[in-house]
Amino acid sequence: MPELPEVQTTVNGLNRTVKGHRIAAVSTSYKSSHHTGKDNIKDPKFFPFFKRKVEGARILKAERRAKNVLIHLSNKYTIIVHMKMTGHFVYDRPNYPFTRLDFELDNGKNLSLSDMRKFAKVTIVKTSDVEKCIHLQHLGPEPLDKNFQFKIFNFQLQKRSKVKIKQVLMDQSLIAGIGNIYSDEILWRAGVHPLSRPNKIPPRQTRLIFKATKELLQKGIQLGGDSMSDYRNIKGEKGKFQEHHRAYRRTGKTCGKPYCKGVISRIVVNSRSAHFCPVHQKLFK
């Protein structure tokens, strides 16, 4: 699933390519009776409303909130897209595989949402209601905001002080945007075992987790995201963060930390995989 760096990379790409363009037409192949009555375009009755609000509007800019892409329109509505496991936007790529949603723009180009497994969620709300809408209101603070300092980070962790740190980092109501990949990499860099509990982790290690969070999310953006799975950027190209993994999906490989002779292990934490080094990542429990 695209995490904060992949979503930010997408947003950056949207602002470079489609910002300022008018949406001439929109079409979708999403359709599911399971979504009847829900406010997303998979509901066949919702899509006509979406289409009316989108067509003819101009794209003012794109922003990110947690793992959501926000596309602000000139008619004071905002498209919200959660790309889920396999979704990604591409621009000017005719006949791109698994296109489920297609925007025809006033320059004759197309903005397409590819989604192999059809899990992505697309909806639209009034721009004035974005932050308080049901899709975003539960989200915690943004870890890359300048105001997100260690005191706030630690306060958020201690809200679930007895829960495993791997779960806590991935809890979107506590900290927005971190998922399976970056939580593994953050804990590897900080030297903290994924089963550690926030109330047992010493202050020094908690500060290392905070520092690693900031650094690795920024690095992910600089490298254009992680494309070990399906994620691609606006050009349909792979990011490069997967070339820098130290823990995620490296089960059985020697730990890359200098002078560490550990071997990366895998366990399941709350139904999610956790990859870690059992030697230098200390368990605080």
C-alpha atoms as a PDB file:
ATOM      1  CA  MET A   1       0.000   0.000   0.000  1.00  0.00           C
ATOM      2  CA  PRO A   2       1.384   3.433  -0.863  1.00  0.00           C
ATOM      3  CA  GLU A   3       2.530   5.183   2.311  1.00  0.00           C
ATOM      4  CA  LEU A   4       3.347   8.828   3.005  1.00  0.00           C
ATOM      5  CA  PRO A   5       6.382   9.082   0.646  1.00  0.00           C
ATOM      6  CA  GLU A   6       4.562   7.404  -2.259  1.00  0.00           C
ATOM      7  CA  VAL A   7       1.469   9.581  -1.805  1.00  0.00           C
ATOM      8  CA  GLN A   8       3.603  12.730  -1.543  1.00  0.00           C
ATOM      9  CA  THR A   9       5.486  11.700  -4.689  1.00  0.00           C
ATOM     10  CA  THR A  10       2.123  11.322  -6.434  1.00  0.00           C
ATOM     11  CA  VAL A  11       0.975  14.744  -5.221  1.00  0.00           C
ATOM     12  CA  ASN A  12       4.195  16.350  -6.427  1.00  0.00           C
ATOM     13  CA  GLY A  13       3.671  14.722  -9.810  1.00  0.00           C
ATOM     14  CA  LEU A  14       0.066  15.908 -10.042  1.00  0.00           C
ATOM     15  CA  ASN A  15       1.097  19.485  -9.298  1.00  0.00           C
ATOM     16  CA  ARG A  16       3.719  19.321 -12.056  1.00  0.00           C
ATOM     17  CA  THR A  17       1.389  17.881 -14.700  1.00  0.00           C
ATOM     18  CA  VAL A  18      -2.318  18.616 -14.180  1.00  0.00           C
ATOM     19  CA  LYS A  19      -2.460  21.698 -11.969  1.00  0.00           C
ATOM     20  CA  GLY A  20      -4.378  24.457 -13.744  1.00  0.00           C
ATOM     21  CA  HIS A  21      -6.063  22.160 -16.255  1.00  0.00           C
ATOM     22  CA  ARG A  22      -9.812  21.799 -16.631  1.00  0.00           C
ATOM     23  CA  ILE A  23     -11.429  18.367 -16.436  1.00  0.00           C
ATOM     24  CA  ALA A  24     -13.356  17.923 -19.694  1.00  0.00           C
ATOM     25  CA  ALA A  25     -14.770  14.463 -18.981  1.00  0.00           C
ATOM     26  CA  VAL A  26     -14.519  11.619 -16.463  1.00  0.00           C
ATOM     27  CA  SER A  27     -15.298   7.912 -16.744  1.00  0.00           C
ATOM     28  CA  THR A  28     -14.913   4.844 -14.538  1.00  0.00           C
ATOM     29  CA  SER A  29     -15.182   1.078 -14.657  1.00  0.00           C
ATOM     30  CA  TYR A  30     -15.602   0.879 -10.877  1.00  0.00           C
ATOM     31  CA  LYS A  31     -19.004  -0.554 -10.062  1.00  0.00           C
ATOM     32  CA  SER A  32     -20.006  -2.696  -7.105  1.00  0.00           C
ATOM     33  CA  SER A  33     -23.336  -3.472  -5.450  1.00  0.00           C
ATOM     34  CA  HIS A  34     -21.358  -3.950  -2.238  1.00  0.00           C
ATOM     35  CA  HIS A  35     -20.808  -0.175  -2.182  1.00  0.00           C
ATOM     36  CA  THR A  36     -24.449   0.769  -2.692  1.00  0.00           C
ATOM     37  CA  GLY A  37     -25.300   3.702  -0.440  1.00  0.00           C
ATOM     38  CA  LYS A  38     -21.665   4.598   0.219  1.00  0.00           C
ATOM     39  CA  ASP A  39     -20.186   7.950  -0.743  1.00  0.00           C
ATOM     40  CA  ASN A  40     -17.589   6.715  -3.211  1.00  0.00           C
ATOM     41  CA  ILE A  41     -17.617   6.175  -6.954  1.00  0.00           C
ATOM     42  CA  LYS A  42     -17.936   2.387  -6.689  1.00  0.00           C
ATOM     43  CA  ASP A  43     -21.587   3.048  -5.861  1.00  0.00           C
ATOM     44  CA  PRO A  44     -23.258   3.402  -9.299  1.00  0.00           C
ATOM     45  CA  LYS A  45     -25.639   5.987  -7.834  1.00  0.00           C
ATOM     46  CA  PHE A  46     -22.816   8.130  -6.416  1.00  0.00           C
ATOM     47  CA  PHE A  47     -20.765   8.334  -9.600  1.00  0.00           C
ATOM     48  CA  PRO A  48     -23.264  10.574 -11.486  1.00  0.00           C
ATOM     49  CA  PHE A  49     -22.988  13.091  -8.613  1.00  0.00           C
ATOM     50  CA  PHE A  50     -19.187  12.823  -8.770  1.00  0.00           C
ATOM     51  CA  LYS A  51     -19.279  13.326 -12.538  1.00  0.00           C
ATOM     52  CA  ARG A  52     -21.453  16.460 -12.274  1.00  0.00           C
ATOM     53  CA  LYS A  53     -19.122  18.042  -9.741  1.00  0.00           C
ATOM     54  CA  VAL A  54     -15.921  17.131 -11.566  1.00  0.00           C
ATOM     55  CA  GLU A  55     -16.600  17.843 -15.211  1.00  0.00           C
ATOM     56  CA  GLY A  56     -15.911  21.439 -16.156  1.00  0.00           C
ATOM     57  CA  ALA A  57     -13.977  22.189 -12.973  1.00  0.00           C
ATOM     58  CA  ARG A  58     -10.346  23.286 -13.002  1.00  0.00           C
ATOM     59  CA  ILE A  59      -7.679  21.577 -10.891  1.00  0.00           C
ATOM     60  CA  LEU A  60      -6.304  24.188  -8.483  1.00  0.00           C
ATOM     61  CA  LYS A  61      -3.709  22.003  -6.775  1.00  0.00           C
ATOM     62  CA  ALA A  62      -3.093  18.631  -5.156  1.00  0.00           C
ATOM     63  CA  GLU A  63      -2.230  18.057  -1.507  1.00  0.00           C
ATOM     64  CA  ARG A  64      -1.640  15.070   0.758  1.00  0.00           C
ATOM     65  CA  ARG A  65      -3.295  14.164   4.050  1.00  0.00           C
ATOM     66  CA  ALA A  66      -1.859  10.973   5.537  1.00  0.00           C
ATOM     67  CA  LYS A  67      -2.160   8.374   2.740  1.00  0.00           C
ATOM     68  CA  ASN A  68      -4.846  10.331   0.893  1.00  0.00           C
ATOM     69  CA  VAL A  69      -4.455  12.396  -2.280  1.00  0.00           C
ATOM     70  CA  LEU A  70      -6.552  15.584  -2.212  1.00  0.00           C
ATOM     71  CA  ILE A  71      -7.309  17.232  -5.559  1.00  0.00           C
ATOM     72  CA  HIS A  72      -8.809  20.681  -4.996  1.00  0.00           C
ATOM     73  CA  LEU A  73     -11.137  21.972  -7.717  1.00  0.00           C
ATOM     74  CA  SER A  74     -12.165  25.467  -8.770  1.00  0.00           C
ATOM     75  CA  ASN A  75     -15.824  24.847  -7.833  1.00  0.00           C
ATOM     76  CA  LYS A  76     -14.881  24.502  -4.140  1.00  0.00           C
ATOM     77  CA  TYR A  77     -15.028  20.715  -4.142  1.00  0.00           C
ATOM     78  CA  THR A  78     -12.159  18.337  -3.379  1.00  0.00           C
ATOM     79  CA  ILE A  79     -11.602  14.850  -4.761  1.00  0.00           C
ATOM     80  CA  ILE A  80     -10.245  12.473  -2.101  1.00  0.00           C
ATOM     81  CA  VAL A  81      -8.364   9.400  -3.295  1.00  0.00           C
ATOM     82  CA  HIS A  82      -6.975   6.641  -1.089  1.00  0.00           C
ATOM     83  CA  MET A  83      -4.932   4.456  -3.411  1.00  0.00           C
ATOM     84  CA  LYS A  84      -5.042   1.415  -1.096  1.00  0.00           C
ATOM     85  CA  MET A  85      -2.862  -1.562  -2.090  1.00  0.00           C
ATOM     86  CA  THR A  86      -2.388  -1.287  -5.845  1.00  0.00           C
ATOM     87  CA  GLY A  87      -3.559   2.172  -6.881  1.00  0.00           C
ATOM     88  CA  HIS A  88      -1.435   4.846  -8.567  1.00  0.00           C
ATOM     89  CA  PHE A  89      -2.018   7.822 -10.855  1.00  0.00           C
ATOM     90  CA  VAL A  90      -0.400   8.159 -14.269  1.00  0.00           C
ATOM     91  CA  TYR A  91      -0.476  11.092 -16.693  1.00  0.00           C
ATOM     92  CA  ASP A  92      -0.539  10.870 -20.480  1.00  0.00           C
ATOM     93  CA  ARG A  93      -0.225   7.081 -20.601  1.00  0.00           C
ATOM     94  CA  PRO A  94      -2.851   5.839 -23.106  1.00  0.00           C
ATOM     95  CA  ASN A  95      -4.111   2.265 -22.592  1.00  0.00           C
ATOM     96  CA  TYR A  96      -2.306   1.999 -19.257  1.00  0.00           C
ATOM     97  CA  PRO A  97      -2.960  -1.362 -17.536  1.00  0.00           C
ATOM     98  CA  PHE A  98      -5.772  -1.645 -14.986  1.00  0.00           C
ATOM     99  CA  THR A  99      -7.125   1.882 -15.503  1.00  0.00           C
ATOM    100  CA  ARG A 100     -10.309   2.179 -13.410  1.00  0.00           C
ATOM    101  CA  LEU A 101     -10.833   5.948 -13.412  1.00  0.00           C
ATOM    102  CA  ASP A 102      -9.973   8.324 -16.221  1.00  0.00           C
ATOM    103  CA  PHE A 103      -9.999  12.132 -16.364  1.00  0.00           C
ATOM    104  CA  GLU A 104      -9.848  13.721 -19.810  1.00  0.00           C
ATOM    105  CA  LEU A 105      -8.222  17.154 -19.542  1.00  0.00           C
ATOM    106  CA  ASP A 106      -8.558  20.304 -21.624  1.00  0.00           C
ATOM    107  CA  ASN A 107      -5.130  19.767 -23.167  1.00  0.00           C
ATOM    108  CA  GLY A 108      -6.169  16.463 -24.682  1.00  0.00           C
ATOM    109  CA  LYS A 109      -4.161  14.451 -22.152  1.00  0.00           C
ATOM    110  CA  ASN A 110      -5.542  11.988 -19.602  1.00  0.00           C
ATOM    111  CA  LEU A 111      -5.020  11.499 -15.892  1.00  0.00           C
ATOM    112  CA  SER A 112      -5.697   7.852 -15.058  1.00  0.00           C
ATOM    113  CA  LEU A 113      -5.986   5.868 -11.843  1.00  0.00           C
ATOM    114  CA  SER A 114      -4.604   2.358 -12.258  1.00  0.00           C
ATOM    115  CA  ASP A 115      -5.798  -0.101  -9.620  1.00  0.00           C
ATOM    116  CA  MET A 116      -5.202  -3.775 -10.333  1.00  0.00           C
ATOM    117  CA  ARG A 117      -7.119  -5.106  -7.318  1.00  0.00           C
ATOM    118  CA  LYS A 118      -9.856  -2.456  -7.355  1.00  0.00           C
ATOM    119  CA  PHE A 119      -9.370  -1.537  -3.689  1.00  0.00           C
ATOM    120  CA  ALA A 120      -8.846   2.217  -4.119  1.00  0.00           C
ATOM    121  CA  LYS A 121     -11.419   4.639  -2.699  1.00  0.00           C
ATOM    122  CA  VAL A 122     -12.441   7.791  -4.582  1.00  0.00           C
ATOM    123  CA  THR A 123     -14.946  10.333  -3.306  1.00  0.00           C
ATOM    124  CA  ILE A 124     -15.643  14.069  -3.403  1.00  0.00           C
ATOM    125  CA  VAL A 125     -16.588  16.554  -0.668  1.00  0.00           C
ATOM    126  CA  LYS A 126     -16.891  20.303  -0.285  1.00  0.00           C
ATOM    127  CA  THR A 127     -13.423  21.764   0.189  1.00  0.00           C
ATOM    128  CA  SER A 128     -14.592  23.560   3.333  1.00  0.00           C
ATOM    129  CA  ASP A 129     -15.542  20.170   4.833  1.00  0.00           C
ATOM    130  CA  VAL A 130     -12.366  18.260   3.981  1.00  0.00           C
ATOM    131  CA  GLU A 131     -10.673  18.169   7.384  1.00  0.00           C
ATOM    132  CA  LYS A 132     -13.833  17.240   9.275  1.00  0.00           C
ATOM    133  CA  CYS A 133     -15.230  14.740   6.756  1.00  0.00           C
ATOM    134  CA  ILE A 134     -15.596  11.106   7.771  1.00  0.00           C
ATOM    135  CA  HIS A 135     -12.696  10.086   5.514  1.00  0.00           C
ATOM    136  CA  LEU A 136     -10.097  12.278   7.245  1.00  0.00           C
ATOM    137  CA  GLN A 137     -11.382  13.364  10.652  1.00  0.00           C
ATOM    138  CA  HIS A 138      -9.821  10.426  12.503  1.00  0.00           C
ATOM    139  CA  LEU A 139      -6.254  11.109  11.339  1.00  0.00           C
ATOM    140  CA  GLY A 140      -3.401  12.015  13.643  1.00  0.00           C
ATOM    141  CA  PRO A 141      -0.736  14.694  13.074  1.00  0.00           C
ATOM    142  CA  GLU A 142       1.557  14.760  10.060  1.00  0.00           C
ATOM    143  CA  PRO A 143       5.077  13.536  10.966  1.00  0.00           C
ATOM    144  CA  LEU A 144       6.842  15.839   8.491  1.00  0.00           C
ATOM    145  CA  ASP A 145       5.133  19.032   9.669  1.00  0.00           C
ATOM    146  CA  LYS A 146       7.564  21.513  11.193  1.00  0.00           C
ATOM    147  CA  ASN A 147       5.407  21.670  14.306  1.00  0.00           C
ATOM    148  CA  PHE A 148       5.601  17.910  14.788  1.00  0.00           C
ATOM    149  CA  GLN A 149       8.394  17.820  17.330  1.00  0.00           C
ATOM    150  CA  PHE A 150       9.564  15.111  19.743  1.00  0.00           C
ATOM    151  CA  LYS A 151       7.204  16.169  22.532  1.00  0.00           C
ATOM    152  CA  ILE A 152       4.168  15.655  20.317  1.00  0.00           C
ATOM    153  CA  PHE A 153       5.586  12.413  18.897  1.00  0.00           C
ATOM    154  CA  ASN A 154       6.122  10.922  22.344  1.00  0.00           C
ATOM    155  CA  PHE A 155       2.711  12.127  23.529  1.00  0.00           C
ATOM    156  CA  GLN A 156       1.067  10.326  20.609  1.00  0.00           C
ATOM    157  CA  LEU A 157       3.013   7.103  21.284  1.00  0.00           C
ATOM    158  CA  GLN A 158       2.045   7.100  24.943  1.00  0.00           C
ATOM    159  CA  LYS A 159      -1.657   7.176  24.049  1.00  0.00           C
ATOM    160  CA  ARG A 160      -1.185   3.460  23.353  1.00  0.00           C
ATOM    161  CA  SER A 161       1.701   2.947  25.720  1.00  0.00           C
ATOM    162  CA  LYS A 162       1.176  -0.788  26.241  1.00  0.00           C
ATOM    163  CA  VAL A 163       0.664  -1.692  22.591  1.00  0.00           C
ATOM    164  CA  LYS A 164       3.506  -3.022  20.434  1.00  0.00           C
ATOM    165  CA  ILE A 165       5.505  -0.170  18.901  1.00  0.00           C
ATOM    166  CA  LYS A 166       5.105  -1.590  15.364  1.00  0.00           C
ATOM    167  CA  GLN A 167       1.311  -1.260  15.710  1.00  0.00           C
ATOM    168  CA  VAL A 168       1.531   2.169  17.291  1.00  0.00           C
ATOM    169  CA  LEU A 169       3.635   3.620  14.466  1.00  0.00           C
ATOM    170  CA  MET A 170       1.098   2.328  11.942  1.00  0.00           C
ATOM    171  CA  ASP A 171      -1.954   3.647  13.798  1.00  0.00           C
ATOM    172  CA  GLN A 172      -3.217   6.444  11.536  1.00  0.00           C
ATOM    173  CA  SER A 173      -5.116   8.067  14.397  1.00  0.00           C
ATOM    174  CA  LEU A 174      -1.815   8.613  16.227  1.00  0.00           C
ATOM    175  CA  ILE A 175       0.628   9.467  13.429  1.00  0.00           C
ATOM    176  CA  ALA A 176      -0.496   9.870   9.827  1.00  0.00           C
ATOM    177  CA  GLY A 177       1.085   8.152   6.865  1.00  0.00           C
ATOM    178  CA  ILE A 178       3.328   5.375   8.206  1.00  0.00           C
ATOM    179  CA  GLY A 179       2.659   1.800   7.082  1.00  0.00           C
ATOM    180  CA  ASN A 180       4.345  -1.574   6.977  1.00  0.00           C
ATOM    181  CA  ILE A 181       7.437  -0.669   4.962  1.00  0.00           C
ATOM    182  CA  TYR A 182       8.538   2.478   6.753  1.00  0.00           C
ATOM    183  CA  SER A 183       7.702   1.218  10.260  1.00  0.00           C
ATOM    184  CA  ASP A 184      10.086  -1.713   9.680  1.00  0.00           C
ATOM    185  CA  GLU A 185      12.814   0.578   8.390  1.00  0.00           C
ATOM    186  CA  ILE A 186      12.324   3.132  11.181  1.00  0.00           C
ATOM    187  CA  LEU A 187      12.620   0.510  13.929  1.00  0.00           C
ATOM    188  CA  TRP A 188      15.641  -1.113  12.264  1.00  0.00           C
ATOM    189  CA  ARG A 189      17.458   2.230  12.138  1.00  0.00           C
ATOM    190  CA  ALA A 190      16.495   3.097  15.721  1.00  0.00           C
ATOM    191  CA  GLY A 191      17.545  -0.331  17.018  1.00  0.00           C
ATOM    192  CA  VAL A 192      14.174  -1.083  18.604  1.00  0.00           C
ATOM    193  CA  HIS A 193      12.392  -4.448  18.423  1.00  0.00           C
ATOM    194  CA  PRO A 194       8.876  -4.260  16.898  1.00  0.00           C
ATOM    195  CA  LEU A 195       7.349  -5.952  19.964  1.00  0.00           C
ATOM    196  CA  SER A 196       8.631  -3.257  22.330  1.00  0.00           C
ATOM    197  CA  ARG A 197       6.056  -1.208  24.212  1.00  0.00           C
ATOM    198  CA  PRO A 198       6.236   2.609  24.199  1.00  0.00           C
ATOM    199  CA  ASN A 199       6.063   2.881  27.998  1.00  0.00           C
ATOM    200  CA  LYS A 200       9.128   0.631  28.307  1.00  0.00           C
ATOM    201  CA  ILE A 201      11.278   2.157  25.582  1.00  0.00           C
ATOM    202  CA  PRO A 202      13.973   4.428  27.123  1.00  0.00           C
ATOM    203  CA  PRO A 203      13.880   8.129  26.161  1.00  0.00           C
ATOM    204  CA  ARG A 204      17.091   7.828  24.148  1.00  0.00           C
ATOM    205  CA  GLN A 205      15.627   5.089  21.934  1.00  0.00           C
ATOM    206  CA  THR A 206      12.328   6.947  21.597  1.00  0.00           C
ATOM    207  CA  ARG A 207      14.259   9.947  20.303  1.00  0.00           C
ATOM    208  CA  LEU A 208      16.045   7.670  17.837  1.00  0.00           C
ATOM    209  CA  ILE A 209      12.660   6.434  16.568  1.00  0.00           C
ATOM    210  CA  PHE A 210      11.528  10.044  16.162  1.00  0.00           C
ATOM    211  CA  LYS A 211      14.705  10.978  14.284  1.00  0.00           C
ATOM    212  CA  ALA A 212      14.483   7.890  12.057  1.00  0.00           C
ATOM    213  CA  THR A 213      10.833   8.672  11.270  1.00  0.00           C
ATOM    214  CA  LYS A 214      11.652  12.140   9.983  1.00  0.00           C
ATOM    215  CA  GLU A 215      14.754  11.023   8.069  1.00  0.00           C
ATOM    216  CA  LEU A 216      13.342   7.933   6.392  1.00  0.00           C
ATOM    217  CA  LEU A 217      10.079   9.522   5.290  1.00  0.00           C
ATOM    218  CA  GLN A 218      12.067  12.362   3.725  1.00  0.00           C
ATOM    219  CA  LYS A 219      14.428   9.873   2.116  1.00  0.00           C
ATOM    220  CA  GLY A 220      11.455   7.964   0.721  1.00  0.00           C
ATOM    221  CA  ILE A 221      10.183  11.140  -0.945  1.00  0.00           C
ATOM    222  CA  GLN A 222      13.634  12.004  -2.314  1.00  0.00           C
ATOM    223  CA  LEU A 223      13.898   8.520  -3.846  1.00  0.00           C
ATOM    224  CA  GLY A 224      10.461   8.752  -5.446  1.00  0.00           C
ATOM    225  CA  GLY A 225       8.780   6.245  -3.151  1.00  0.00           C
ATOM    226  CA  ASP A 226       8.927   2.471  -2.820  1.00  0.00           C
ATOM    227  CA  SER A 227       8.026   0.282  -5.794  1.00  0.00           C
ATOM    228  CA  MET A 228       8.738  -3.185  -4.437  1.00  0.00           C
ATOM    229  CA  SER A 229       5.058  -3.870  -5.102  1.00  0.00           C
ATOM    230  CA  ASP A 230       2.708  -2.039  -7.501  1.00  0.00           C
ATOM    231  CA  TYR A 231       3.422   1.630  -6.827  1.00  0.00           C
ATOM    232  CA  ARG A 232       4.497   3.794  -9.784  1.00  0.00           C
ATOM    233  CA  ASN A 233       4.887   7.566 -10.116  1.00  0.00           C
ATOM    234  CA  ILE A 234       2.924   9.885 -12.401  1.00  0.00           C
ATOM    235  CA  LYS A 235       5.068   8.798 -15.366  1.00  0.00           C
ATOM    236  CA  GLY A 236       4.469   5.112 -14.661  1.00  0.00           C
ATOM    237  CA  GLU A 237       8.042   4.747 -13.392  1.00  0.00           C
ATOM    238  CA  LYS A 238       9.295   2.925 -10.308  1.00  0.00           C
ATOM    239  CA  GLY A 239      10.614   4.696  -7.237  1.00  0.00           C
ATOM    240  CA  LYS A 240      13.946   3.648  -5.731  1.00  0.00           C
ATOM    241  CA  PHE A 241      13.395   3.350  -1.977  1.00  0.00           C
ATOM    242  CA  GLN A 242      13.174  -0.458  -2.256  1.00  0.00           C
ATOM    243  CA  GLU A 243      16.840  -0.435  -3.240  1.00  0.00           C
ATOM    244  CA  HIS A 244      17.640   0.882   0.243  1.00  0.00           C
ATOM    245  CA  HIS A 245      15.682  -1.561   2.423  1.00  0.00           C
ATOM    246  CA  ARG A 246      17.501  -2.745   5.524  1.00  0.00           C
ATOM    247  CA  ALA A 247      14.684  -4.801   7.069  1.00  0.00           C
ATOM    248  CA  TYR A 248      11.478  -4.909   5.020  1.00  0.00           C
ATOM    249  CA  ARG A 249      11.182  -8.218   3.132  1.00  0.00           C
ATOM    250  CA  ARG A 250      14.824  -9.110   3.811  1.00  0.00           C
ATOM    251  CA  THR A 251      14.050 -12.254   5.809  1.00  0.00           C
ATOM    252  CA  GLY A 252      17.073 -14.548   6.072  1.00  0.00           C
ATOM    253  CA  LYS A 253      19.568 -11.930   4.900  1.00  0.00           C
ATOM    254  CA  THR A 254      22.456 -10.675   6.986  1.00  0.00           C
ATOM    255  CA  CYS A 255      21.757  -7.441   8.849  1.00  0.00           C
ATOM    256  CA  GLY A 256      23.337  -4.467   7.110  1.00  0.00           C
ATOM    257  CA  LYS A 257      24.218  -2.581  10.283  1.00  0.00           C
ATOM    258  CA  PRO A 258      28.015  -2.280  10.646  1.00  0.00           C
ATOM    259  CA  TYR A 259      29.506  -4.932  12.962  1.00  0.00           C
ATOM    260  CA  CYS A 260      26.116  -6.596  13.479  1.00  0.00           C
ATOM    261  CA  LYS A 261      26.041 -10.315  12.737  1.00  0.00           C
ATOM    262  CA  GLY A 262      22.276 -10.672  12.989  1.00  0.00           C
ATOM    263  CA  VAL A 263      20.010 -12.179  10.363  1.00  0.00           C
ATOM    264  CA  ILE A 264      16.740 -10.456   9.465  1.00  0.00           C
ATOM    265  CA  SER A 265      13.724 -12.281  10.905  1.00  0.00           C
ATOM    266  CA  ARG A 266      10.005 -12.050  10.233  1.00  0.00           C
ATOM    267  CA  ILE A 267       7.148 -12.251  12.711  1.00  0.00           C
ATOM    268  CA  VAL A 268       3.460 -11.350  12.535  1.00  0.00           C
ATOM    269  CA  VAL A 269       2.288  -8.398  14.620  1.00  0.00           C
ATOM    270  CA  ASN A 270      -1.465  -7.839  14.680  1.00  0.00           C
ATOM    271  CA  SER A 271      -1.840  -9.698  11.357  1.00  0.00           C
ATOM    272  CA  ARG A 272       0.910  -7.631   9.683  1.00  0.00           C
ATOM    273  CA  SER A 273       4.443  -8.760   8.875  1.00  0.00           C
ATOM    274  CA  ALA A 274       7.303  -7.248  10.824  1.00  0.00           C
ATOM    275  CA  HIS A 275      10.893  -7.618   9.625  1.00  0.00           C
ATOM    276  CA  PHE A 276      13.727  -6.917  12.066  1.00  0.00           C
ATOM    277  CA  CYS A 277      17.182  -7.823  13.290  1.00  0.00           C
ATOM    278  CA  PRO A 278      16.970  -9.858  16.533  1.00  0.00           C
ATOM    279  CA  VAL A 279      20.524  -8.866  17.470  1.00  0.00           C
ATOM    280  CA  HIS A 280      20.776  -5.079  17.396  1.00  0.00           C
ATOM    281  CA  GLN A 281      17.057  -4.262  17.706  1.00  0.00           C
ATOM    282  CA  LYS A 282      16.477  -4.404  21.447  1.00  0.00           C
ATOM    283  CA  LEU A 283      13.246  -5.592  23.039  1.00  0.00           C
ATOM    284  CA  PHE A 284      11.845  -3.242  25.678  1.00  0.00           C
ATOM    285  CA  LYS A 285       8.880  -4.969  27.267  1.00  0.00           C
END
